[in-house]
């Protein structure tokens, strides 16, 4: 996507004037992480009926995979002896489907652990790159590495082309720093 000229069609920016780099530091809270997921419209996480439908599909998957040997006229023991890899695959599918069907217990704790909410984050934006520090991890990305951004009442979410996303809470901005941040996003990314 070709970037517009600096300030072109962006309220509050004078054409030809450079936008200063912006840096914010913060600790992300669990509510802000969830707000970022909601802003991304992660349907399974945010819509009750999607969760129920997913759990029902997985419950049917448990039934289906448990009955595969009997549908072919054999027992699980005989199936495991004649086709051990197939039996292992079906057993793993039963376990995964059962885990999802009962509501994925422990997933919230795992999500918090993986997200490292106790690590300080630092996000720096400039016209040519985005630099993200997450604890000891360091990511330097070009704007072309991002697909779009989302904005809610409390957070900005920068979405990569994969499933990775970065949440920046609006509370982290010092007075006057949010406008250049928003301008850099508007110039370089599509808003969803």
C-alpha atoms as a PDB file:
ATOM      1  CA  UNK A   1       0.000   0.000   0.000  1.00  0.00           C
ATOM      2  CA  UNK A   2       1.608   3.291  -0.995  1.00  0.00           C
ATOM      3  CA  UNK A   3       1.749   5.627   1.966  1.00  0.00           C
ATOM      4  CA  UNK A   4       0.237   9.072   1.462  1.00  0.00           C
ATOM      5  CA  UNK A   5       2.407  12.136   1.725  1.00  0.00           C
ATOM      6  CA  UNK A   6       3.062  13.168   5.270  1.00  0.00           C
ATOM      7  CA  UNK A   7      -0.072  14.847   6.514  1.00  0.00           C
ATOM      8  CA  UNK A   8      -2.160  14.123   3.403  1.00  0.00           C
ATOM      9  CA  UNK A   9      -5.812  13.598   4.412  1.00  0.00           C
ATOM     10  CA  UNK A  10      -4.848  13.223   8.063  1.00  0.00           C
ATOM     11  CA  UNK A  11      -6.626  15.668  10.385  1.00  0.00           C
ATOM     12  CA  UNK A  12      -4.308  17.756  12.533  1.00  0.00           C
ATOM     13  CA  UNK A  13      -1.182  17.235  10.389  1.00  0.00           C
ATOM     14  CA  UNK A  14       0.219  19.902   8.148  1.00  0.00           C
ATOM     15  CA  UNK A  15       1.325  18.566   4.761  1.00  0.00           C
ATOM     16  CA  UNK A  16       5.100  18.359   4.457  1.00  0.00           C
ATOM     17  CA  UNK A  17       5.678  18.459   8.211  1.00  0.00           C
ATOM     18  CA  UNK A  18       7.406  15.374   9.630  1.00  0.00           C
ATOM     19  CA  UNK A  19       5.628  13.389  12.291  1.00  0.00           C
ATOM     20  CA  UNK A  20       7.915  12.839  15.275  1.00  0.00           C
ATOM     21  CA  UNK A  21       8.629   9.265  16.427  1.00  0.00           C
ATOM     22  CA  UNK A  22       6.464   8.105  19.311  1.00  0.00           C
ATOM     23  CA  UNK A  23       7.457   5.797  22.148  1.00  0.00           C
ATOM     24  CA  UNK A  24       5.203   4.407  24.885  1.00  0.00           C
ATOM     25  CA  UNK A  25       6.063   2.161  27.833  1.00  0.00           C
ATOM     26  CA  UNK A  26       3.509   0.190  29.818  1.00  0.00           C
ATOM     27  CA  UNK A  27       2.532  -3.001  31.567  1.00  0.00           C
ATOM     28  CA  UNK A  28      -0.440  -4.586  29.821  1.00  0.00           C
ATOM     29  CA  UNK A  29      -3.357  -5.656  32.016  1.00  0.00           C
ATOM     30  CA  UNK A  30      -5.516  -8.711  31.469  1.00  0.00           C
ATOM     31  CA  UNK A  31      -8.559  -6.547  30.690  1.00  0.00           C
ATOM     32  CA  UNK A  32      -6.573  -4.663  28.028  1.00  0.00           C
ATOM     33  CA  UNK A  33      -5.389  -7.947  26.494  1.00  0.00           C
ATOM     34  CA  UNK A  34      -9.020  -9.114  26.337  1.00  0.00           C
ATOM     35  CA  UNK A  35     -10.059  -5.730  24.938  1.00  0.00           C
ATOM     36  CA  UNK A  36      -7.463  -6.227  22.196  1.00  0.00           C
ATOM     37  CA  UNK A  37      -8.935  -9.634  21.370  1.00  0.00           C
ATOM     38  CA  UNK A  38     -12.412  -8.144  21.243  1.00  0.00           C
ATOM     39  CA  UNK A  39     -11.208  -5.275  19.015  1.00  0.00           C
ATOM     40  CA  UNK A  40      -9.783  -7.899  16.624  1.00  0.00           C
ATOM     41  CA  UNK A  41     -13.245  -9.477  16.584  1.00  0.00           C
ATOM     42  CA  UNK A  42     -11.935 -12.859  17.706  1.00  0.00           C
ATOM     43  CA  UNK A  43     -15.381 -14.441  17.457  1.00  0.00           C
ATOM     44  CA  UNK A  44     -14.651 -17.604  19.411  1.00  0.00           C
ATOM     45  CA  UNK A  45     -13.333 -15.582  22.344  1.00  0.00           C
ATOM     46  CA  UNK A  46     -15.999 -12.868  22.350  1.00  0.00           C
ATOM     47  CA  UNK A  47     -19.307 -14.379  21.203  1.00  0.00           C
ATOM     48  CA  UNK A  48     -21.050 -16.815  23.528  1.00  0.00           C
ATOM     49  CA  UNK A  49     -22.893 -18.653  20.741  1.00  0.00           C
ATOM     50  CA  UNK A  50     -19.672 -19.234  18.812  1.00  0.00           C
ATOM     51  CA  UNK A  51     -18.129 -20.815  21.904  1.00  0.00           C
ATOM     52  CA  UNK A  52     -21.176 -23.021  22.419  1.00  0.00           C
ATOM     53  CA  UNK A  53     -21.194 -24.086  18.743  1.00  0.00           C
ATOM     54  CA  UNK A  54     -17.464 -24.851  18.884  1.00  0.00           C
ATOM     55  CA  UNK A  55     -17.902 -26.947  22.005  1.00  0.00           C
ATOM     56  CA  UNK A  56     -20.784 -28.885  20.431  1.00  0.00           C
ATOM     57  CA  UNK A  57     -18.763 -29.586  17.274  1.00  0.00           C
ATOM     58  CA  UNK A  58     -15.880 -30.863  19.411  1.00  0.00           C
ATOM     59  CA  UNK A  59     -18.244 -33.002  21.521  1.00  0.00           C
ATOM     60  CA  UNK A  60     -19.459 -34.599  18.298  1.00  0.00           C
ATOM     61  CA  UNK A  61     -15.790 -35.057  17.305  1.00  0.00           C
ATOM     62  CA  UNK A  62     -15.208 -37.027  20.522  1.00  0.00           C
ATOM     63  CA  UNK A  63     -18.139 -39.309  19.675  1.00  0.00           C
ATOM     64  CA  UNK A  64     -17.022 -39.671  16.051  1.00  0.00           C
ATOM     65  CA  UNK A  65     -13.397 -40.514  16.819  1.00  0.00           C
ATOM     66  CA  UNK A  66     -14.349 -42.927  19.610  1.00  0.00           C
ATOM     67  CA  UNK A  67     -16.632 -44.861  17.263  1.00  0.00           C
ATOM     68  CA  UNK A  68     -14.276 -45.060  14.252  1.00  0.00           C
ATOM     69  CA  UNK A  69     -13.030 -48.599  15.058  1.00  0.00           C
ATOM     70  CA  UNK A  70     -16.524 -49.946  15.725  1.00  0.00           C
ATOM     71  CA  UNK A  71     -17.793 -48.481  12.449  1.00  0.00           C
ATOM     72  CA  UNK A  72     -15.155 -50.514  10.652  1.00  0.00           C
ATOM     73  CA  UNK A  73     -16.205 -53.653  12.557  1.00  0.00           C
ATOM     74  CA  UNK A  74     -13.305 -53.916  15.001  1.00  0.00           C
ATOM     75  CA  UNK A  75     -12.444 -53.029  18.595  1.00  0.00           C
ATOM     76  CA  UNK A  76     -10.028 -50.356  19.785  1.00  0.00           C
ATOM     77  CA  UNK A  77      -7.567 -53.060  20.866  1.00  0.00           C
ATOM     78  CA  UNK A  78      -7.587 -54.780  17.473  1.00  0.00           C
ATOM     79  CA  UNK A  79      -7.448 -51.397  15.717  1.00  0.00           C
ATOM     80  CA  UNK A  80      -4.396 -50.388  17.800  1.00  0.00           C
ATOM     81  CA  UNK A  81      -2.647 -53.675  16.960  1.00  0.00           C
ATOM     82  CA  UNK A  82      -3.282 -53.466  13.209  1.00  0.00           C
ATOM     83  CA  UNK A  83      -2.925 -49.710  12.794  1.00  0.00           C
ATOM     84  CA  UNK A  84      -0.983 -48.189  15.735  1.00  0.00           C
ATOM     85  CA  UNK A  85      -0.422 -44.783  14.100  1.00  0.00           C
ATOM     86  CA  UNK A  86      -4.089 -44.483  13.156  1.00  0.00           C
ATOM     87  CA  UNK A  87      -5.131 -45.434  16.694  1.00  0.00           C
ATOM     88  CA  UNK A  88      -2.703 -42.894  18.149  1.00  0.00           C
ATOM     89  CA  UNK A  89      -4.060 -40.186  15.831  1.00  0.00           C
ATOM     90  CA  UNK A  90      -7.687 -40.929  16.760  1.00  0.00           C
ATOM     91  CA  UNK A  91      -6.818 -41.070  20.476  1.00  0.00           C
ATOM     92  CA  UNK A  92      -5.109 -37.665  20.239  1.00  0.00           C
ATOM     93  CA  UNK A  93      -8.116 -36.246  18.389  1.00  0.00           C
ATOM     94  CA  UNK A  94     -10.407 -37.546  21.150  1.00  0.00           C
ATOM     95  CA  UNK A  95      -8.235 -35.864  23.793  1.00  0.00           C
ATOM     96  CA  UNK A  96      -8.069 -32.528  21.954  1.00  0.00           C
ATOM     97  CA  UNK A  97     -11.781 -32.496  21.121  1.00  0.00           C
ATOM     98  CA  UNK A  98     -12.693 -33.450  24.709  1.00  0.00           C
ATOM     99  CA  UNK A  99     -10.457 -30.655  26.037  1.00  0.00           C
ATOM    100  CA  UNK A 100     -12.205 -28.077  23.833  1.00  0.00           C
ATOM    101  CA  UNK A 101     -15.661 -29.528  24.510  1.00  0.00           C
ATOM    102  CA  UNK A 102     -15.271 -29.136  28.293  1.00  0.00           C
ATOM    103  CA  UNK A 103     -14.202 -25.502  27.891  1.00  0.00           C
ATOM    104  CA  UNK A 104     -10.399 -25.671  27.735  1.00  0.00           C
ATOM    105  CA  UNK A 105      -9.705 -25.506  31.499  1.00  0.00           C
ATOM    106  CA  UNK A 106      -6.475 -23.745  32.356  1.00  0.00           C
ATOM    107  CA  UNK A 107      -6.350 -21.812  29.073  1.00  0.00           C
ATOM    108  CA  UNK A 108      -6.752 -18.424  30.774  1.00  0.00           C
ATOM    109  CA  UNK A 109      -3.772 -19.088  33.053  1.00  0.00           C
ATOM    110  CA  UNK A 110      -1.745 -20.301  30.065  1.00  0.00           C
ATOM    111  CA  UNK A 111      -2.772 -17.227  28.084  1.00  0.00           C
ATOM    112  CA  UNK A 112      -1.583 -14.954  30.897  1.00  0.00           C
ATOM    113  CA  UNK A 113       1.676 -16.868  31.184  1.00  0.00           C
ATOM    114  CA  UNK A 114       2.335 -16.749  27.432  1.00  0.00           C
ATOM    115  CA  UNK A 115       1.360 -13.075  27.202  1.00  0.00           C
ATOM    116  CA  UNK A 116       3.766 -12.248  30.075  1.00  0.00           C
ATOM    117  CA  UNK A 117       1.566  -9.559  31.558  1.00  0.00           C
ATOM    118  CA  UNK A 118       4.251  -9.014  34.183  1.00  0.00           C
ATOM    119  CA  UNK A 119       6.788  -7.858  31.562  1.00  0.00           C
ATOM    120  CA  UNK A 120       7.146  -4.216  30.633  1.00  0.00           C
ATOM    121  CA  UNK A 121       6.406  -3.399  27.016  1.00  0.00           C
ATOM    122  CA  UNK A 122       7.775  -0.572  24.922  1.00  0.00           C
ATOM    123  CA  UNK A 123       6.395   0.307  21.496  1.00  0.00           C
ATOM    124  CA  UNK A 124       8.157   2.869  19.305  1.00  0.00           C
ATOM    125  CA  UNK A 125       6.707   4.079  16.007  1.00  0.00           C
ATOM    126  CA  UNK A 126       8.435   6.121  13.335  1.00  0.00           C
ATOM    127  CA  UNK A 127       7.738   6.711   9.647  1.00  0.00           C
ATOM    128  CA  UNK A 128       9.868   3.728   8.576  1.00  0.00           C
ATOM    129  CA  UNK A 129       9.540   1.092  11.322  1.00  0.00           C
ATOM    130  CA  UNK A 130       7.907  -0.218  14.472  1.00  0.00           C
ATOM    131  CA  UNK A 131      10.121  -1.325  17.356  1.00  0.00           C
ATOM    132  CA  UNK A 132       8.611  -3.479  20.083  1.00  0.00           C
ATOM    133  CA  UNK A 133      10.336  -4.481  23.299  1.00  0.00           C
ATOM    134  CA  UNK A 134       8.583  -7.080  25.400  1.00  0.00           C
ATOM    135  CA  UNK A 135      10.688  -7.857  28.443  1.00  0.00           C
ATOM    136  CA  UNK A 136      14.045  -9.026  27.081  1.00  0.00           C
ATOM    137  CA  UNK A 137      12.581  -9.694  23.612  1.00  0.00           C
ATOM    138  CA  UNK A 138      13.160  -7.177  20.844  1.00  0.00           C
ATOM    139  CA  UNK A 139      11.238  -6.953  17.570  1.00  0.00           C
ATOM    140  CA  UNK A 140      12.002  -4.506  14.782  1.00  0.00           C
ATOM    141  CA  UNK A 141       9.323  -4.591  12.107  1.00  0.00           C
ATOM    142  CA  UNK A 142       8.653  -2.701   8.908  1.00  0.00           C
ATOM    143  CA  UNK A 143       5.206  -1.251   8.427  1.00  0.00           C
ATOM    144  CA  UNK A 144       4.683  -3.764   5.623  1.00  0.00           C
ATOM    145  CA  UNK A 145       4.855  -6.546   8.261  1.00  0.00           C
ATOM    146  CA  UNK A 146       1.493  -5.353   9.602  1.00  0.00           C
ATOM    147  CA  UNK A 147      -1.865  -5.956   7.954  1.00  0.00           C
ATOM    148  CA  UNK A 148      -3.959  -3.328   9.741  1.00  0.00           C
ATOM    149  CA  UNK A 149      -4.775  -1.780  13.070  1.00  0.00           C
ATOM    150  CA  UNK A 150      -7.854  -1.753  15.266  1.00  0.00           C
ATOM    151  CA  UNK A 151      -8.915   0.897  17.720  1.00  0.00           C
ATOM    152  CA  UNK A 152     -11.311   0.562  20.627  1.00  0.00           C
ATOM    153  CA  UNK A 153     -12.173   2.958  23.422  1.00  0.00           C
ATOM    154  CA  UNK A 154      -9.231   1.696  25.502  1.00  0.00           C
ATOM    155  CA  UNK A 155      -6.595   0.189  23.183  1.00  0.00           C
ATOM    156  CA  UNK A 156      -4.899   0.192  19.796  1.00  0.00           C
ATOM    157  CA  UNK A 157      -4.172  -3.212  18.271  1.00  0.00           C
ATOM    158  CA  UNK A 158      -1.507  -3.669  15.581  1.00  0.00           C
ATOM    159  CA  UNK A 159      -2.223  -6.857  13.601  1.00  0.00           C
ATOM    160  CA  UNK A 160       0.485  -8.704  11.675  1.00  0.00           C
ATOM    161  CA  UNK A 161      -0.327 -10.897   8.675  1.00  0.00           C
ATOM    162  CA  UNK A 162      -0.154 -13.959  10.931  1.00  0.00           C
ATOM    163  CA  UNK A 163      -2.034 -14.419  14.202  1.00  0.00           C
ATOM    164  CA  UNK A 164       0.335 -12.196  16.173  1.00  0.00           C
ATOM    165  CA  UNK A 165      -0.960  -8.863  17.403  1.00  0.00           C
ATOM    166  CA  UNK A 166       0.328  -6.097  19.640  1.00  0.00           C
ATOM    167  CA  UNK A 167      -1.945  -4.248  22.059  1.00  0.00           C
ATOM    168  CA  UNK A 168      -1.145  -0.675  23.129  1.00  0.00           C
ATOM    169  CA  UNK A 169      -3.379   0.781  25.860  1.00  0.00           C
ATOM    170  CA  UNK A 170      -4.446   4.390  25.454  1.00  0.00           C
ATOM    171  CA  UNK A 171      -3.719   5.040  29.150  1.00  0.00           C
ATOM    172  CA  UNK A 172       0.020   4.642  28.384  1.00  0.00           C
ATOM    173  CA  UNK A 173       0.232   7.873  26.406  1.00  0.00           C
ATOM    174  CA  UNK A 174       1.498  11.053  27.960  1.00  0.00           C
ATOM    175  CA  UNK A 175      -0.554  14.139  27.107  1.00  0.00           C
ATOM    176  CA  UNK A 176      -0.094  15.049  23.448  1.00  0.00           C
ATOM    177  CA  UNK A 177       1.660  11.797  22.470  1.00  0.00           C
ATOM    178  CA  UNK A 178      -1.432   9.934  21.303  1.00  0.00           C
ATOM    179  CA  UNK A 179      -2.132  12.184  18.294  1.00  0.00           C
ATOM    180  CA  UNK A 180       1.235  11.519  16.540  1.00  0.00           C
ATOM    181  CA  UNK A 181       0.795   7.789  17.309  1.00  0.00           C
ATOM    182  CA  UNK A 182      -2.641   7.813  15.697  1.00  0.00           C
ATOM    183  CA  UNK A 183      -1.291   9.778  12.711  1.00  0.00           C
ATOM    184  CA  UNK A 184       1.532   7.274  12.116  1.00  0.00           C
ATOM    185  CA  UNK A 185      -0.992   4.438  12.219  1.00  0.00           C
ATOM    186  CA  UNK A 186      -3.349   6.224   9.821  1.00  0.00           C
ATOM    187  CA  UNK A 187      -0.577   6.954   7.324  1.00  0.00           C
ATOM    188  CA  UNK A 188       0.940   3.474   7.326  1.00  0.00           C
ATOM    189  CA  UNK A 189      -1.922   1.028   8.022  1.00  0.00           C
ATOM    190  CA  UNK A 190      -5.568   0.463   7.172  1.00  0.00           C
ATOM    191  CA  UNK A 191      -7.980   0.787  10.058  1.00  0.00           C
ATOM    192  CA  UNK A 192     -10.398  -2.098  10.520  1.00  0.00           C
END
